[in-house]
Amino acid sequence: MVKKAYEDGCSDSIKELGGCYYYGKGTSTDYEKAFNLFKEANDHVMLMECYANGDGTEIDIDKAYLCFAKTTSGGSNSTLLKISQCF
């Protein structure tokens, strides 16, 4: 259903589909697909996690930190928790 929404052009579904591939919900885990969808969705929290752990891309702490810097402007508790888990 999420994939269908993505294929139909629903922009909100991009991040959600990335999460499905990242966590293996309803499909097999595919970090590379997830990473590309997170880039398309401009999801800095999940991109930070991918860069920090090498999920779907090479480990790149500098890029992880840049994503960190972009996410901290919002300052939500869930974002800060995810950040603490990466570093």
PDB file of N, CA and C in Angstrom:
ATOM      1  N   MET A   1       0.811  -1.183   0.000  1.00  0.00           N
ATOM      2  CA  MET A   1       0.000   0.000   0.000  1.00  0.00           C
ATOM      3  C   MET A   1       0.868   1.266   0.000  1.00  0.00           C
ATOM      4  N   VAL A   2       1.920   1.263   0.815  1.00  0.00           N
ATOM      5  CA  VAL A   2       2.833   2.415   0.851  1.00  0.00           C
ATOM      6  C   VAL A   2       3.544   2.543  -0.488  1.00  0.00           C
ATOM      7  N   LYS A   3       3.976   1.414  -1.037  1.00  0.00           N
ATOM      8  CA  LYS A   3       4.669   1.442  -2.326  1.00  0.00           C
ATOM      9  C   LYS A   3       3.746   1.984  -3.416  1.00  0.00           C
ATOM     10  N   LYS A   4       2.477   1.600  -3.379  1.00  0.00           N
ATOM     11  CA  LYS A   4       1.501   2.082  -4.359  1.00  0.00           C
ATOM     12  C   LYS A   4       1.331   3.593  -4.227  1.00  0.00           C
ATOM     13  N   ALA A   5       1.239   4.092  -2.997  1.00  0.00           N
ATOM     14  CA  ALA A   5       1.119   5.535  -2.775  1.00  0.00           C
ATOM     15  C   ALA A   5       2.347   6.257  -3.316  1.00  0.00           C
ATOM     16  N   TYR A   6       3.535   5.672  -3.103  1.00  0.00           N
ATOM     17  CA  TYR A   6       4.772   6.260  -3.623  1.00  0.00           C
ATOM     18  C   TYR A   6       4.738   6.299  -5.139  1.00  0.00           C
ATOM     19  N   GLU A   7       4.339   5.180  -5.755  1.00  0.00           N
ATOM     20  CA  GLU A   7       4.274   5.111  -7.215  1.00  0.00           C
ATOM     21  C   GLU A   7       3.251   6.079  -7.784  1.00  0.00           C
ATOM     22  N   ASP A   8       2.208   6.383  -7.002  1.00  0.00           N
ATOM     23  CA  ASP A   8       1.183   7.329  -7.439  1.00  0.00           C
ATOM     24  C   ASP A   8       1.602   8.779  -7.195  1.00  0.00           C
ATOM     25  N   GLY A   9       2.789   8.970  -6.627  1.00  0.00           N
ATOM     26  CA  GLY A   9       3.331  10.311  -6.457  1.00  0.00           C
ATOM     27  C   GLY A   9       3.026  10.974  -5.136  1.00  0.00           C
ATOM     28  N   CYS A  10       2.584  10.227  -4.152  1.00  0.00           N
ATOM     29  CA  CYS A  10       2.308  10.789  -2.826  1.00  0.00           C
ATOM     30  C   CYS A  10       3.632  11.052  -2.116  1.00  0.00           C
ATOM     31  N   SER A  11       3.979  12.326  -1.979  1.00  0.00           N
ATOM     32  CA  SER A  11       5.291  12.678  -1.431  1.00  0.00           C
ATOM     33  C   SER A  11       5.464  12.226   0.016  1.00  0.00           C
ATOM     34  N   ASP A  12       4.399  12.167   0.787  1.00  0.00           N
ATOM     35  CA  ASP A  12       4.493  11.745   2.188  1.00  0.00           C
ATOM     36  C   ASP A  12       4.906  10.287   2.329  1.00  0.00           C
ATOM     37  N   SER A  13       4.702   9.518   1.280  1.00  0.00           N
ATOM     38  CA  SER A  13       4.989   8.084   1.362  1.00  0.00           C
ATOM     39  C   SER A  13       6.464   7.755   1.153  1.00  0.00           C
ATOM     40  N   ILE A  14       7.258   8.699   0.678  1.00  0.00           N
ATOM     41  CA  ILE A  14       8.668   8.436   0.388  1.00  0.00           C
ATOM     42  C   ILE A  14       9.408   8.008   1.656  1.00  0.00           C
ATOM     43  N   LYS A  15       9.294   8.810   2.700  1.00  0.00           N
ATOM     44  CA  LYS A  15       9.961   8.506   3.971  1.00  0.00           C
ATOM     45  C   LYS A  15       9.422   7.205   4.563  1.00  0.00           C
ATOM     46  N   GLU A  16       8.110   7.018   4.488  1.00  0.00           N
ATOM     47  CA  GLU A  16       7.494   5.821   5.044  1.00  0.00           C
ATOM     48  C   GLU A  16       7.966   4.562   4.315  1.00  0.00           C
ATOM     49  N   LEU A  17       8.064   4.626   2.989  1.00  0.00           N
ATOM     50  CA  LEU A  17       8.559   3.482   2.215  1.00  0.00           C
ATOM     51  C   LEU A  17      10.019   3.210   2.549  1.00  0.00           C
ATOM     52  N   GLY A  18      10.798   4.269   2.728  1.00  0.00           N
ATOM     53  CA  GLY A  18      12.191   4.101   3.146  1.00  0.00           C
ATOM     54  C   GLY A  18      12.277   3.353   4.461  1.00  0.00           C
ATOM     55  N   GLY A  19      11.399   3.694   5.387  1.00  0.00           N
ATOM     56  CA  GLY A  19      11.359   3.006   6.672  1.00  0.00           C
ATOM     57  C   GLY A  19      10.992   1.537   6.527  1.00  0.00           C
ATOM     58  N   CYS A  20      10.097   1.242   5.592  1.00  0.00           N
ATOM     59  CA  CYS A  20       9.724  -0.163   5.350  1.00  0.00           C
ATOM     60  C   CYS A  20      10.939  -0.964   4.907  1.00  0.00           C
ATOM     61  N   TYR A  21      11.712  -0.407   3.975  1.00  0.00           N
ATOM     62  CA  TYR A  21      12.915  -1.100   3.509  1.00  0.00           C
ATOM     63  C   TYR A  21      13.993  -1.149   4.591  1.00  0.00           C
ATOM     64  N   TYR A  22      14.120  -0.085   5.367  1.00  0.00           N
ATOM     65  CA  TYR A  22      15.161  -0.028   6.390  1.00  0.00           C
ATOM     66  C   TYR A  22      14.909  -1.048   7.498  1.00  0.00           C
ATOM     67  N   TYR A  23      13.663  -1.128   7.949  1.00  0.00           N
ATOM     68  CA  TYR A  23      13.323  -2.014   9.066  1.00  0.00           C
ATOM     69  C   TYR A  23      12.755  -3.366   8.634  1.00  0.00           C
ATOM     70  N   GLY A  24      12.579  -3.566   7.316  1.00  0.00           N
ATOM     71  CA  GLY A  24      12.051  -4.837   6.835  1.00  0.00           C
ATOM     72  C   GLY A  24      10.581  -5.035   7.163  1.00  0.00           C
ATOM     73  N   LYS A  25       9.812  -3.967   7.161  1.00  0.00           N
ATOM     74  CA  LYS A  25       8.383  -4.055   7.448  1.00  0.00           C
ATOM     75  C   LYS A  25       7.608  -4.272   6.144  1.00  0.00           C
ATOM     76  N   GLY A  26       7.045  -5.469   6.005  1.00  0.00           N
ATOM     77  CA  GLY A  26       6.261  -5.782   4.815  1.00  0.00           C
ATOM     78  C   GLY A  26       7.101  -6.117   3.603  1.00  0.00           C
ATOM     79  N   THR A  27       8.399  -6.124   3.761  1.00  0.00           N
ATOM     80  CA  THR A  27       9.325  -6.426   2.673  1.00  0.00           C
ATOM     81  C   THR A  27      10.648  -6.861   3.297  1.00  0.00           C
ATOM     82  N   SER A  28      11.547  -7.320   2.463  1.00  0.00           N
ATOM     83  CA  SER A  28      12.868  -7.660   3.002  1.00  0.00           C
ATOM     84  C   SER A  28      13.662  -6.378   3.239  1.00  0.00           C
ATOM     85  N   THR A  29      14.568  -6.435   4.192  1.00  0.00           N
ATOM     86  CA  THR A  29      15.420  -5.290   4.483  1.00  0.00           C
ATOM     87  C   THR A  29      16.310  -4.998   3.286  1.00  0.00           C
ATOM     88  N   ASP A  30      16.344  -3.737   2.884  1.00  0.00           N
ATOM     89  CA  ASP A  30      17.201  -3.307   1.780  1.00  0.00           C
ATOM     90  C   ASP A  30      17.697  -1.905   2.112  1.00  0.00           C
ATOM     91  N   TYR A  31      18.874  -1.846   2.728  1.00  0.00           N
ATOM     92  CA  TYR A  31      19.409  -0.564   3.188  1.00  0.00           C
ATOM     93  C   TYR A  31      19.705   0.400   2.040  1.00  0.00           C
ATOM     94  N   GLU A  32      20.127  -0.123   0.907  1.00  0.00           N
ATOM     95  CA  GLU A  32      20.434   0.765  -0.216  1.00  0.00           C
ATOM     96  C   GLU A  32      19.170   1.458  -0.731  1.00  0.00           C
ATOM     97  N   LYS A  33      18.086   0.704  -0.893  1.00  0.00           N
ATOM     98  CA  LYS A  33      16.818   1.314  -1.314  1.00  0.00           C
ATOM     99  C   LYS A  33      16.351   2.312  -0.264  1.00  0.00           C
ATOM    100  N   ALA A  34      16.461   1.926   0.997  1.00  0.00           N
ATOM    101  CA  ALA A  34      16.040   2.812   2.078  1.00  0.00           C
ATOM    102  C   ALA A  34      16.842   4.108   2.050  1.00  0.00           C
ATOM    103  N   PHE A  35      18.152   3.996   1.925  1.00  0.00           N
ATOM    104  CA  PHE A  35      19.019   5.169   1.889  1.00  0.00           C
ATOM    105  C   PHE A  35      18.612   6.114   0.757  1.00  0.00           C
ATOM    106  N   ASN A  36      18.387   5.564  -0.430  1.00  0.00           N
ATOM    107  CA  ASN A  36      18.004   6.396  -1.576  1.00  0.00           C
ATOM    108  C   ASN A  36      16.656   7.076  -1.359  1.00  0.00           C
ATOM    109  N   LEU A  37      15.725   6.378  -0.734  1.00  0.00           N
ATOM    110  CA  LEU A  37      14.431   6.984  -0.439  1.00  0.00           C
ATOM    111  C   LEU A  37      14.558   8.064   0.626  1.00  0.00           C
ATOM    112  N   PHE A  38      15.395   7.845   1.624  1.00  0.00           N
ATOM    113  CA  PHE A  38      15.612   8.878   2.648  1.00  0.00           C
ATOM    114  C   PHE A  38      16.240  10.123   2.026  1.00  0.00           C
ATOM    115  N   LYS A  39      17.145   9.933   1.061  1.00  0.00           N
ATOM    116  CA  LYS A  39      17.728  11.085   0.359  1.00  0.00           C
ATOM    117  C   LYS A  39      16.642  11.824  -0.405  1.00  0.00           C
ATOM    118  N   GLU A  40      15.791  11.066  -1.103  1.00  0.00           N
ATOM    119  CA  GLU A  40      14.708  11.675  -1.872  1.00  0.00           C
ATOM    120  C   GLU A  40      13.746  12.439  -0.953  1.00  0.00           C
ATOM    121  N   ALA A  41      13.491  11.893   0.232  1.00  0.00           N
ATOM    122  CA  ALA A  41      12.575  12.514   1.189  1.00  0.00           C
ATOM    123  C   ALA A  41      13.241  13.632   1.990  1.00  0.00           C
ATOM    124  N   ASN A  42      14.545  13.748   1.865  1.00  0.00           N
ATOM    125  CA  ASN A  42      15.313  14.749   2.623  1.00  0.00           C
ATOM    126  C   ASN A  42      15.149  14.520   4.132  1.00  0.00           C
ATOM    127  N   ASP A  43      15.196  13.243   4.517  1.00  0.00           N
ATOM    128  CA  ASP A  43      15.016  12.838   5.914  1.00  0.00           C
ATOM    129  C   ASP A  43      16.386  12.787   6.593  1.00  0.00           C
ATOM    130  N   HIS A  44      16.775  13.896   7.202  1.00  0.00           N
ATOM    131  CA  HIS A  44      18.116  14.013   7.768  1.00  0.00           C
ATOM    132  C   HIS A  44      18.354  13.099   8.960  1.00  0.00           C
ATOM    133  N   VAL A  45      17.313  12.800   9.718  1.00  0.00           N
ATOM    134  CA  VAL A  45      17.485  11.914  10.871  1.00  0.00           C
ATOM    135  C   VAL A  45      17.901  10.522  10.402  1.00  0.00           C
ATOM    136  N   MET A  46      17.176   9.975   9.432  1.00  0.00           N
ATOM    137  CA  MET A  46      17.497   8.635   8.954  1.00  0.00           C
ATOM    138  C   MET A  46      18.780   8.631   8.115  1.00  0.00           C
ATOM    139  N   LEU A  47      19.033   9.709   7.377  1.00  0.00           N
ATOM    140  CA  LEU A  47      20.293   9.795   6.635  1.00  0.00           C
ATOM    141  C   LEU A  47      21.472   9.806   7.591  1.00  0.00           C
ATOM    142  N   MET A  48      21.331  10.518   8.705  1.00  0.00           N
ATOM    143  CA  MET A  48      22.386  10.537   9.706  1.00  0.00           C
ATOM    144  C   MET A  48      22.665   9.120  10.198  1.00  0.00           C
ATOM    145  N   GLU A  49      21.618   8.365  10.477  1.00  0.00           N
ATOM    146  CA  GLU A  49      21.786   6.995  10.942  1.00  0.00           C
ATOM    147  C   GLU A  49      22.468   6.130   9.882  1.00  0.00           C
ATOM    148  N   CYS A  50      22.052   6.286   8.630  1.00  0.00           N
ATOM    149  CA  CYS A  50      22.666   5.513   7.540  1.00  0.00           C
ATOM    150  C   CYS A  50      24.153   5.835   7.399  1.00  0.00           C
ATOM    151  N   TYR A  51      24.481   7.123   7.390  1.00  0.00           N
ATOM    152  CA  TYR A  51      25.889   7.511   7.265  1.00  0.00           C
ATOM    153  C   TYR A  51      26.708   7.045   8.470  1.00  0.00           C
ATOM    154  N   ALA A  52      26.148   7.137   9.664  1.00  0.00           N
ATOM    155  CA  ALA A  52      26.887   6.756  10.869  1.00  0.00           C
ATOM    156  C   ALA A  52      27.140   5.256  10.930  1.00  0.00           C
ATOM    157  N   ASN A  53      26.195   4.459  10.437  1.00  0.00           N
ATOM    158  CA  ASN A  53      26.296   2.999  10.530  1.00  0.00           C
ATOM    159  C   ASN A  53      26.728   2.317   9.239  1.00  0.00           C
ATOM    160  N   GLY A  54      26.784   3.071   8.138  1.00  0.00           N
ATOM    161  CA  GLY A  54      27.115   2.458   6.856  1.00  0.00           C
ATOM    162  C   GLY A  54      25.970   1.643   6.288  1.00  0.00           C
ATOM    163  N   ASP A  55      24.743   2.038   6.580  1.00  0.00           N
ATOM    164  CA  ASP A  55      23.566   1.330   6.078  1.00  0.00           C
ATOM    165  C   ASP A  55      23.171   1.880   4.715  1.00  0.00           C
ATOM    166  N   GLY A  56      23.459   1.116   3.664  1.00  0.00           N
ATOM    167  CA  GLY A  56      23.107   1.525   2.310  1.00  0.00           C
ATOM    168  C   GLY A  56      24.100   2.468   1.677  1.00  0.00           C
ATOM    169  N   THR A  57      25.140   2.800   2.401  1.00  0.00           N
ATOM    170  CA  THR A  57      26.173   3.723   1.921  1.00  0.00           C
ATOM    171  C   THR A  57      27.438   3.464   2.727  1.00  0.00           C
ATOM    172  N   GLU A  58      28.502   4.111   2.343  1.00  0.00           N
ATOM    173  CA  GLU A  58      29.751   4.010   3.106  1.00  0.00           C
ATOM    174  C   GLU A  58      29.601   4.786   4.415  1.00  0.00           C
ATOM    175  N   ILE A  59      30.258   4.339   5.458  1.00  0.00           N
ATOM    176  CA  ILE A  59      30.290   5.115   6.699  1.00  0.00           C
ATOM    177  C   ILE A  59      30.970   6.446   6.405  1.00  0.00           C
ATOM    178  N   ASP A  60      30.314   7.521   6.787  1.00  0.00           N
ATOM    179  CA  ASP A  60      30.849   8.859   6.569  1.00  0.00           C
ATOM    180  C   ASP A  60      30.412   9.734   7.746  1.00  0.00           C
ATOM    181  N   ILE A  61      31.265   9.817   8.732  1.00  0.00           N
ATOM    182  CA  ILE A  61      30.943  10.551   9.954  1.00  0.00           C
ATOM    183  C   ILE A  61      30.759  12.044   9.677  1.00  0.00           C
ATOM    184  N   ASP A  62      31.496  12.578   8.708  1.00  0.00           N
ATOM    185  CA  ASP A  62      31.325  13.994   8.373  1.00  0.00           C
ATOM    186  C   ASP A  62      29.914  14.260   7.847  1.00  0.00           C
ATOM    187  N   LYS A  63      29.430  13.411   6.954  1.00  0.00           N
ATOM    188  CA  LYS A  63      28.069  13.575   6.424  1.00  0.00           C
ATOM    189  C   LYS A  63      27.035  13.307   7.513  1.00  0.00           C
ATOM    190  N   ALA A  64      27.314  12.348   8.381  1.00  0.00           N
ATOM    191  CA  ALA A  64      26.402  12.083   9.503  1.00  0.00           C
ATOM    192  C   ALA A  64      26.291  13.329  10.371  1.00  0.00           C
ATOM    193  N   TYR A  65      27.421  13.972  10.621  1.00  0.00           N
ATOM    194  CA  TYR A  65      27.405  15.178  11.447  1.00  0.00           C
ATOM    195  C   TYR A  65      26.651  16.316  10.765  1.00  0.00           C
ATOM    196  N   LEU A  66      26.798  16.451   9.456  1.00  0.00           N
ATOM    197  CA  LEU A  66      26.058  17.491   8.730  1.00  0.00           C
ATOM    198  C   LEU A  66      24.555  17.253   8.853  1.00  0.00           C
ATOM    199  N   CYS A  67      24.147  16.004   8.754  1.00  0.00           N
ATOM    200  CA  CYS A  67      22.728  15.675   8.938  1.00  0.00           C
ATOM    201  C   CYS A  67      22.310  15.981  10.365  1.00  0.00           C
ATOM    202  N   PHE A  68      23.189  15.674  11.311  1.00  0.00           N
ATOM    203  CA  PHE A  68      22.950  15.980  12.730  1.00  0.00           C
ATOM    204  C   PHE A  68      22.692  17.473  12.908  1.00  0.00           C
ATOM    205  N   ALA A  69      23.527  18.278  12.292  1.00  0.00           N
ATOM    206  CA  ALA A  69      23.399  19.728  12.425  1.00  0.00           C
ATOM    207  C   ALA A  69      22.060  20.212  11.868  1.00  0.00           C
ATOM    208  N   LYS A  70      21.608  19.600  10.792  1.00  0.00           N
ATOM    209  CA  LYS A  70      20.331  19.996  10.197  1.00  0.00           C
ATOM    210  C   LYS A  70      19.148  19.543  11.044  1.00  0.00           C
ATOM    211  N   THR A  71      19.292  18.443  11.762  1.00  0.00           N
ATOM    212  CA  THR A  71      18.172  17.928  12.548  1.00  0.00           C
ATOM    213  C   THR A  71      18.040  18.620  13.891  1.00  0.00           C
ATOM    214  N   THR A  72      19.110  19.138  14.425  1.00  0.00           N
ATOM    215  CA  THR A  72      19.045  19.717  15.769  1.00  0.00           C
ATOM    216  C   THR A  72      18.289  21.028  15.802  1.00  0.00           C
ATOM    217  N   SER A  73      18.073  21.645  14.658  1.00  0.00           N
ATOM    218  CA  SER A  73      17.336  22.915  14.665  1.00  0.00           C
ATOM    219  C   SER A  73      15.892  22.706  15.124  1.00  0.00           C
ATOM    220  N   GLY A  74      15.332  21.504  14.866  1.00  0.00           N
ATOM    221  CA  GLY A  74      13.982  21.197  15.321  1.00  0.00           C
ATOM    222  C   GLY A  74      13.941  20.837  16.791  1.00  0.00           C
ATOM    223  N   GLY A  75      14.945  20.100  17.242  1.00  0.00           N
ATOM    224  CA  GLY A  75      15.100  19.783  18.645  1.00  0.00           C
ATOM    225  C   GLY A  75      14.062  18.859  19.257  1.00  0.00           C
ATOM    226  N   SER A  76      13.372  18.043  18.449  1.00  0.00           N
ATOM    227  CA  SER A  76      12.377  17.147  19.025  1.00  0.00           C
ATOM    228  C   SER A  76      13.065  16.049  19.840  1.00  0.00           C
ATOM    229  N   ASN A  77      12.367  15.523  20.835  1.00  0.00           N
ATOM    230  CA  ASN A  77      12.940  14.484  21.695  1.00  0.00           C
ATOM    231  C   ASN A  77      13.289  13.229  20.918  1.00  0.00           C
ATOM    232  N   SER A  78      12.436  12.813  19.971  1.00  0.00           N
ATOM    233  CA  SER A  78      12.732  11.597  19.207  1.00  0.00           C
ATOM    234  C   SER A  78      13.962  11.788  18.333  1.00  0.00           C
ATOM    235  N   THR A  79      14.134  12.986  17.789  1.00  0.00           N
ATOM    236  CA  THR A  79      15.316  13.276  16.982  1.00  0.00           C
ATOM    237  C   THR A  79      16.565  13.220  17.854  1.00  0.00           C
ATOM    238  N   LEU A  80      16.515  13.831  19.010  1.00  0.00           N
ATOM    239  CA  LEU A  80      17.677  13.846  19.894  1.00  0.00           C
ATOM    240  C   LEU A  80      18.018  12.447  20.389  1.00  0.00           C
ATOM    241  N   LEU A  81      17.017  11.598  20.620  1.00  0.00           N
ATOM    242  CA  LEU A  81      17.263  10.221  21.024  1.00  0.00           C
ATOM    243  C   LEU A  81      17.975   9.455  19.916  1.00  0.00           C
ATOM    244  N   LYS A  82      17.494   9.600  18.681  1.00  0.00           N
ATOM    245  CA  LYS A  82      18.114   8.909  17.550  1.00  0.00           C
ATOM    246  C   LYS A  82      19.556   9.393  17.364  1.00  0.00           C
ATOM    247  N   ILE A  83      19.773  10.675  17.547  1.00  0.00           N
ATOM    248  CA  ILE A  83      21.125  11.240  17.441  1.00  0.00           C
ATOM    249  C   ILE A  83      22.031  10.609  18.488  1.00  0.00           C
ATOM    250  N   SER A  84      21.550  10.491  19.700  1.00  0.00           N
ATOM    251  CA  SER A  84      22.386   9.926  20.765  1.00  0.00           C
ATOM    252  C   SER A  84      22.728   8.470  20.489  1.00  0.00           C
ATOM    253  N   GLN A  85      21.863   7.755  19.781  1.00  0.00           N
ATOM    254  CA  GLN A  85      22.124   6.368  19.462  1.00  0.00           C
ATOM    255  C   GLN A  85      23.172   6.226  18.356  1.00  0.00           C
ATOM    256  N   CYS A  86      23.310   7.243  17.528  1.00  0.00           N
ATOM    257  CA  CYS A  86      24.290   7.183  16.437  1.00  0.00           C
ATOM    258  C   CYS A  86      25.695   7.519  16.898  1.00  0.00           C
ATOM    259  N   PHE A  87      25.834   8.376  17.894  1.00  0.00           N
ATOM    260  CA  PHE A  87      27.146   8.856  18.294  1.00  0.00           C
ATOM    261  C   PHE A  87      27.515   8.440  19.657  1.00  0.00           C
TER     262      PHE A  87
END
